[in-house]
Amino acid sequence: MLLKPRELERALGGVDVFIGHSMGGGTAGAWSVRGDGFRPKLFIGVGCKAEFGEHGPPVLLLFGRFDWVRLQARTDAQVVISPWCEHITEAYDPVLVAAAVKAACAAVGKPVPAAPTAWRWRFTGLVLGIAGALVLMFRLPELHPHLARTRKFIVPAVLLIALILTLGTWFGVTPQLRRIPQQLVLLVVIWLALAGLSRLRMPRWSLAVVAGILALGCLALRIAYATKPVRVAVHANHVEVTGPGVIFLFAILMDTFAISTLLLLPSTLVGRIATRGGSRRDGDVAMAIFASYVIGQFMPLFY
C-alpha cells in the first residue's frame, strides 16, 4: 500500500488528504499523482524531493530550513518553511504541523481543532510511573536473596515495563518484532564496549561521551555540506525549492549518534542502580539491556 496509494484509494474510497514524508511523499505519493491518477483533495509533502506535474491536486510543501531538497511543482503550490528544523525532525516541528492541520481542515471544510490537552495527563502518568519504577528498582532486589542475584535483569526490566505501560505508542516504545534483531546486535556491542571500559577502569558514562563525540563529528561533516539555506524561486510554470547539498549518510549517522548519546545517559543511571548491592558486571549487563532496547527502538531501519 505504501507504494500504491491508488490501490488504497480504491479500497477505502476517496482520499481527502494525503500526507507523505521524505520517500513516502516523493517516491510513493508523488509518483502515484504523476503516473497513476491518484487525486486526493490535498497533497501534503513533507521534505519531499519529487515532481508533481502540471495537473495534479492542490499541493502543500513543508520543509525545514536545514533540509536538502530540489523539486519542481506548480506555481499554485503552497510552500511553508520552518526556520529551525531539518529533514528528520520535520514531522514533529510545530510550525509545519500547524500548517498541515490548517490546510487539511480547510481542504475538507472543517474548523481547525483546538490544541490537544490530553498530553498533560499522559505526562503526569509518565512521571508517576517512572517514580514508582525507581522505588521498585531500588527496593525489589532487597526483598529476597534470589532477587538480589538477578538484579542485573530486574532493574532494567522494571524501568522498561514502566516506560512501555506509561508511554505505549506515544513515543513508539512498545516492542516490535522487526526491531528485535537490531536490539540483539546492539546488546552484544554495548556489553562488549562496557566490558572493555571495565578492563580499562573507565566509567560507564565514557560510552555516552564517545557517542557524543561521534555525533559532533558527523554534525561537522554535515555542516560542511550544508552551507546554504532553503530558497524558493518562482518561475513561469513551476516553483523551484533548493537547499543545501547534505549527504544523507552524515545526517542519519548524526541523528543516530545524537539519540544514542541522550539514551545512554539514563542507561548509565540504570547501570549504577544495578551495581548498588551488586557488582560492576551486574551494572554493565543492566545498562546493556536497557540501552540496547531503547536505542534499538529509535534507530532507523533499512530492512
Protein backbone atom coordinates (compact mmCIF):
# COMPACT_ATOMS: atom_id res chain seq x y z
CA MET A 1 0.00 0.00 0.00
CA LEU A 2 2.92 2.33 0.68
CA LEU A 3 3.98 2.19 -2.96
CA LYS A 4 0.43 2.09 -4.35
CA PRO A 5 -1.78 4.82 -2.82
CA ARG A 6 -4.11 4.34 -5.77
CA GLU A 7 -4.98 0.83 -4.53
CA LEU A 8 -5.52 2.25 -1.06
CA GLU A 9 -7.89 4.80 -2.55
CA ARG A 10 -9.86 2.06 -4.31
CA ALA A 11 -10.10 0.04 -1.09
CA LEU A 12 -11.11 2.86 1.25
CA GLY A 13 -12.86 5.26 -1.12
CA GLY A 14 -11.82 8.78 -2.00
CA VAL A 15 -8.80 10.16 -0.14
CA ASP A 16 -9.33 13.67 1.19
CA VAL A 17 -5.81 14.48 2.36
CA PHE A 18 -2.57 12.61 1.65
CA ILE A 19 0.48 13.34 3.81
CA GLY A 20 3.86 11.86 2.93
CA HIS A 21 7.26 12.49 4.49
CA SER A 22 10.51 12.06 2.56
CA MET A 23 10.26 8.95 0.34
CA GLY A 24 6.67 8.38 1.48
CA GLY A 25 5.72 11.62 -0.22
CA GLY A 26 8.24 11.78 -3.06
CA THR A 27 8.60 8.16 -4.15
CA ALA A 28 5.16 6.77 -3.36
CA GLY A 29 2.76 9.69 -3.24
CA ALA A 30 4.12 11.97 -5.96
CA TRP A 31 4.69 9.09 -8.37
CA SER A 32 1.07 7.98 -7.89
CA VAL A 33 -0.14 11.51 -8.60
CA ARG A 34 2.04 11.83 -11.68
CA GLY A 35 1.66 8.38 -13.18
CA ASP A 36 -1.24 6.53 -11.57
CA GLY A 37 -4.02 9.10 -11.45
CA PHE A 38 -4.02 9.48 -7.67
CA ARG A 39 -6.06 12.62 -6.87
CA PRO A 40 -6.61 13.48 -3.20
CA LYS A 41 -8.27 16.77 -2.34
CA LEU A 42 -4.95 17.96 -0.90
CA PHE A 43 -1.44 16.55 -1.23
CA ILE A 44 0.88 17.47 1.65
CA GLY A 45 4.54 16.69 1.01
CA VAL A 46 6.95 16.95 3.94
CA GLY A 47 10.60 17.14 2.92
CA CYS A 48 9.84 15.56 -0.46
CA LYS A 49 12.15 15.52 -3.46
CA ALA A 50 9.74 14.88 -6.32
CA GLU A 51 7.98 16.38 -9.33
CA PHE A 52 4.21 16.57 -9.05
CA GLY A 53 3.39 17.51 -12.62
CA GLU A 54 1.17 20.24 -14.02
CA HIS A 55 -2.34 18.90 -13.42
CA GLY A 56 -2.25 17.28 -10.02
CA PRO A 57 -4.26 18.05 -6.87
CA PRO A 58 -3.65 21.12 -4.67
CA VAL A 59 -0.20 20.81 -3.12
CA LEU A 60 1.24 21.95 0.21
CA LEU A 61 5.01 21.56 0.56
CA LEU A 62 6.58 21.63 4.04
CA PHE A 63 10.32 21.93 4.60
CA GLY A 64 12.83 22.61 7.33
CA ARG A 65 15.39 25.32 6.76
CA PHE A 66 18.23 22.83 7.04
CA ASP A 67 16.70 20.16 4.84
CA TRP A 68 18.10 19.39 1.43
CA VAL A 69 15.73 19.18 -1.47
CA ARG A 70 15.34 20.16 -5.09
CA LEU A 71 11.93 19.77 -6.69
CA GLN A 72 9.58 21.35 -9.14
CA ALA A 73 5.89 21.97 -8.53
CA ARG A 74 3.07 24.05 -9.96
CA THR A 75 3.11 27.75 -9.17
CA ASP A 76 -0.10 27.40 -7.14
CA ALA A 77 1.64 25.11 -4.64
CA GLN A 78 1.85 26.47 -1.11
CA VAL A 79 5.30 26.31 0.50
CA VAL A 80 5.94 26.55 4.25
CA ILE A 81 9.50 26.56 5.61
CA SER A 82 10.27 26.13 9.28
CA PRO A 83 13.29 28.16 10.42
CA TRP A 84 14.72 25.64 12.91
CA CYS A 85 14.32 22.02 11.81
CA GLU A 86 15.92 19.58 9.38
CA HIS A 87 14.78 16.52 7.47
CA ILE A 88 14.38 14.06 10.36
CA THR A 89 12.54 16.44 12.71
CA GLU A 90 10.22 17.98 10.09
CA ALA A 91 7.39 15.60 11.00
CA TYR A 92 7.44 16.90 14.60
CA ASP A 93 8.06 20.61 14.00
CA PRO A 94 5.20 22.69 15.49
CA VAL A 95 5.26 25.22 12.64
CA LEU A 96 4.91 22.53 9.98
CA VAL A 97 2.38 20.51 12.00
CA ALA A 98 0.19 23.60 12.48
CA ALA A 99 0.39 24.43 8.77
CA ALA A 100 -0.54 20.85 7.80
CA VAL A 101 -3.52 20.76 10.20
CA LYS A 102 -4.81 24.12 9.00
CA ALA A 103 -4.55 23.17 5.33
CA ALA A 104 -6.08 19.72 5.86
CA CYS A 105 -9.07 21.17 7.73
CA ALA A 106 -9.59 23.76 5.01
CA ALA A 107 -9.50 21.04 2.33
CA VAL A 108 -12.31 19.05 3.96
CA GLY A 109 -14.31 22.09 5.14
CA LYS A 110 -13.87 21.54 8.87
CA PRO A 111 -12.77 24.01 11.57
CA VAL A 112 -9.25 23.78 12.96
CA PRO A 113 -9.45 21.84 16.26
CA ALA A 114 -8.14 23.26 19.49
CA ALA A 115 -4.67 22.25 20.62
CA PRO A 116 -4.80 18.87 22.39
CA THR A 117 -4.56 18.79 26.19
CA ALA A 118 -4.54 15.03 26.85
CA TRP A 119 -0.74 15.09 26.81
CA ARG A 120 -0.78 16.73 30.26
CA TRP A 121 -2.49 13.71 31.82
CA ARG A 122 -0.20 11.41 29.92
CA PHE A 123 2.85 13.26 31.16
CA THR A 124 1.54 13.10 34.73
CA GLY A 125 1.08 9.34 34.37
CA LEU A 126 4.61 9.07 32.97
CA VAL A 127 6.11 10.92 35.95
CA LEU A 128 4.18 8.80 38.47
CA GLY A 129 5.03 5.58 36.63
CA ILE A 130 8.75 6.37 36.50
CA ALA A 131 8.73 7.38 40.17
CA GLY A 132 7.16 4.04 41.10
CA ALA A 133 9.62 2.18 38.89
CA LEU A 134 12.59 3.87 40.60
CA VAL A 135 11.29 2.76 44.00
CA LEU A 136 10.97 -0.83 42.75
CA MET A 137 14.41 -0.71 41.14
CA PHE A 138 15.98 0.15 44.49
CA ARG A 139 13.81 -1.98 46.80
CA LEU A 140 12.73 -5.08 44.85
CA PRO A 141 16.18 -6.78 44.74
CA GLU A 142 16.44 -6.42 48.53
CA LEU A 143 13.27 -8.40 49.28
CA HIS A 144 14.83 -11.83 48.73
CA PRO A 145 18.37 -13.19 48.13
CA HIS A 146 17.27 -14.78 44.83
CA LEU A 147 16.01 -11.40 43.60
CA ALA A 148 19.30 -9.82 44.64
CA ARG A 149 21.22 -12.28 42.46
CA THR A 150 19.10 -11.34 39.42
CA ARG A 151 19.23 -7.58 39.94
CA LYS A 152 21.03 -7.16 36.61
CA PHE A 153 17.82 -8.30 34.89
CA ILE A 154 15.24 -6.93 37.33
CA VAL A 155 16.45 -3.32 37.35
CA PRO A 156 16.28 -2.66 33.57
CA ALA A 157 13.14 -4.80 33.18
CA VAL A 158 11.20 -2.78 35.78
CA LEU A 159 12.03 0.53 34.10
CA LEU A 160 11.32 -0.78 30.60
CA ILE A 161 7.93 -2.15 31.68
CA ALA A 162 7.09 1.20 33.27
CA LEU A 163 8.03 3.05 30.06
CA ILE A 164 6.01 0.67 27.89
CA LEU A 165 2.93 0.95 30.09
CA THR A 166 3.04 4.74 30.51
CA LEU A 167 4.14 5.73 27.01
CA GLY A 168 2.51 2.99 24.93
CA THR A 169 2.64 4.09 21.30
CA TRP A 170 3.18 7.75 22.23
CA PHE A 171 6.90 7.53 21.58
CA GLY A 172 6.94 4.11 19.97
CA VAL A 173 8.49 2.19 22.90
CA THR A 174 6.21 -0.84 22.63
CA PRO A 175 8.09 -3.99 21.49
CA GLN A 176 8.32 -4.51 17.73
CA LEU A 177 9.32 -7.85 16.27
CA ARG A 178 11.14 -6.29 13.33
CA ARG A 179 13.45 -4.40 15.70
CA ILE A 180 14.48 -7.41 17.78
CA PRO A 181 17.46 -8.39 15.54
CA GLN A 182 18.78 -4.84 15.72
CA GLN A 183 18.36 -4.76 19.51
CA LEU A 184 20.15 -8.09 19.95
CA VAL A 185 23.11 -6.84 17.93
CA LEU A 186 23.20 -3.65 20.00
CA LEU A 187 23.04 -5.70 23.20
CA VAL A 188 26.21 -7.57 22.27
CA VAL A 189 28.02 -4.45 21.01
CA ILE A 190 27.17 -2.34 24.06
CA TRP A 191 28.01 -5.14 26.50
CA LEU A 192 31.40 -5.68 24.83
CA ALA A 193 32.07 -1.93 24.93
CA LEU A 194 31.21 -1.82 28.63
CA ALA A 195 33.40 -4.85 29.29
CA GLY A 196 36.27 -3.05 27.58
CA LEU A 197 35.67 0.06 29.67
CA SER A 198 35.68 -2.11 32.79
CA ARG A 199 39.07 -3.59 31.89
CA LEU A 200 40.41 -0.09 31.33
CA ARG A 201 38.88 1.04 34.65
CA MET A 202 36.91 3.76 32.89
CA PRO A 203 33.41 4.88 33.98
CA ARG A 204 30.32 3.79 32.06
CA TRP A 205 29.46 7.34 31.04
CA SER A 206 32.56 7.25 28.83
CA LEU A 207 30.42 5.37 26.29
CA ALA A 208 27.99 8.31 26.12
CA VAL A 209 30.94 10.67 25.68
CA VAL A 210 32.25 8.63 22.74
CA ALA A 211 28.80 8.61 21.12
CA GLY A 212 28.54 12.37 21.64
CA ILE A 213 31.92 12.97 20.01
CA LEU A 214 30.89 10.86 17.01
CA ALA A 215 27.62 12.84 16.76
CA LEU A 216 29.54 16.12 16.77
CA GLY A 217 31.93 14.79 14.14
CA CYS A 218 29.02 13.82 11.87
CA LEU A 219 27.44 17.21 12.53
CA ALA A 220 30.65 18.95 11.44
CA LEU A 221 30.73 16.91 8.23
CA ARG A 222 27.08 17.66 7.65
CA ILE A 223 27.60 21.41 8.12
CA ALA A 224 30.46 21.23 5.65
CA TYR A 225 27.97 20.05 3.04
CA ALA A 226 25.07 22.19 4.21
CA THR A 227 26.05 25.82 3.99
CA LYS A 228 23.06 27.14 2.09
CA PRO A 229 19.55 27.66 3.49
CA VAL A 230 16.42 26.57 1.65
CA ARG A 231 15.39 29.04 -1.06
CA VAL A 232 12.19 29.32 -3.08
CA ALA A 233 12.24 30.60 -6.68
CA VAL A 234 9.02 31.17 -8.65
CA HIS A 235 9.40 30.59 -12.40
CA ALA A 236 6.93 30.84 -15.25
CA ASN A 237 5.36 27.41 -14.80
CA HIS A 238 6.83 25.93 -11.64
CA VAL A 239 8.16 26.61 -8.18
CA GLU A 240 11.74 25.52 -7.53
CA VAL A 241 12.81 24.80 -3.95
CA THR A 242 16.54 24.31 -3.46
CA GLY A 243 18.51 23.62 -0.33
CA PRO A 244 21.94 22.60 0.96
CA GLY A 245 23.65 19.59 -0.52
CA VAL A 246 23.55 17.45 2.59
CA ILE A 247 24.96 13.97 2.37
CA PHE A 248 22.19 11.71 3.64
CA LEU A 249 24.63 9.33 5.33
CA PHE A 250 26.03 12.06 7.58
CA ALA A 251 22.52 13.15 8.54
CA ILE A 252 21.48 9.62 9.51
CA LEU A 253 24.70 8.99 11.45
CA MET A 254 24.44 12.31 13.27
CA ASP A 255 20.86 11.65 14.36
CA THR A 256 21.67 8.06 15.36
CA PHE A 257 24.67 9.03 17.49
CA ALA A 258 22.84 12.01 19.00
CA ILE A 259 19.88 9.84 20.02
CA SER A 260 22.28 7.20 21.34
CA THR A 261 24.06 9.81 23.46
CA LEU A 262 20.81 11.02 25.02
CA LEU A 263 19.64 7.46 25.75
CA LEU A 264 23.00 6.28 27.09
CA LEU A 265 22.82 8.86 29.89
CA PRO A 266 19.75 7.33 31.63
CA SER A 267 21.17 3.90 30.77
CA THR A 268 24.23 4.81 32.83
CA LEU A 269 21.92 5.53 35.78
CA VAL A 270 20.30 2.12 35.32
CA GLY A 271 23.73 0.51 35.48
CA ARG A 272 24.61 2.47 38.60
CA ILE A 273 21.41 1.34 40.36
CA ALA A 274 22.09 -2.30 39.42
CA THR A 275 25.64 -2.01 40.75
CA ARG A 276 24.30 -0.88 44.14
CA GLY A 277 24.46 -4.00 46.28
CA GLY A 278 25.85 -5.98 43.34
CA SER A 279 28.95 -5.94 41.15
CA ARG A 280 30.29 -3.90 38.26
CA ARG A 281 29.32 -6.73 35.93
CA ASP A 282 25.70 -6.56 37.14
CA GLY A 283 25.63 -2.86 36.27
CA ASP A 284 27.18 -3.47 32.85
CA VAL A 285 24.60 -6.12 31.94
CA ALA A 286 21.72 -3.95 33.20
CA MET A 287 22.95 -0.94 31.24
CA ALA A 288 23.46 -3.02 28.09
CA ILE A 289 19.93 -4.45 28.30
CA PHE A 290 18.26 -1.08 28.81
CA ALA A 291 20.41 0.83 26.30
CA SER A 292 20.08 -1.79 23.55
CA TYR A 293 16.30 -1.80 23.84
CA VAL A 294 15.69 1.96 23.84
CA ILE A 295 18.34 2.77 21.23
CA GLY A 296 17.13 -0.05 19.02
CA GLN A 297 13.59 1.34 19.21
CA PHE A 298 14.62 4.69 17.72
CA MET A 299 17.42 3.82 15.31
CA PRO A 300 16.48 3.99 11.61
CA LEU A 301 15.65 0.68 9.96
CA PHE A 302 16.84 -0.16 6.45
CA TYR A 303 15.22 -3.58 6.14
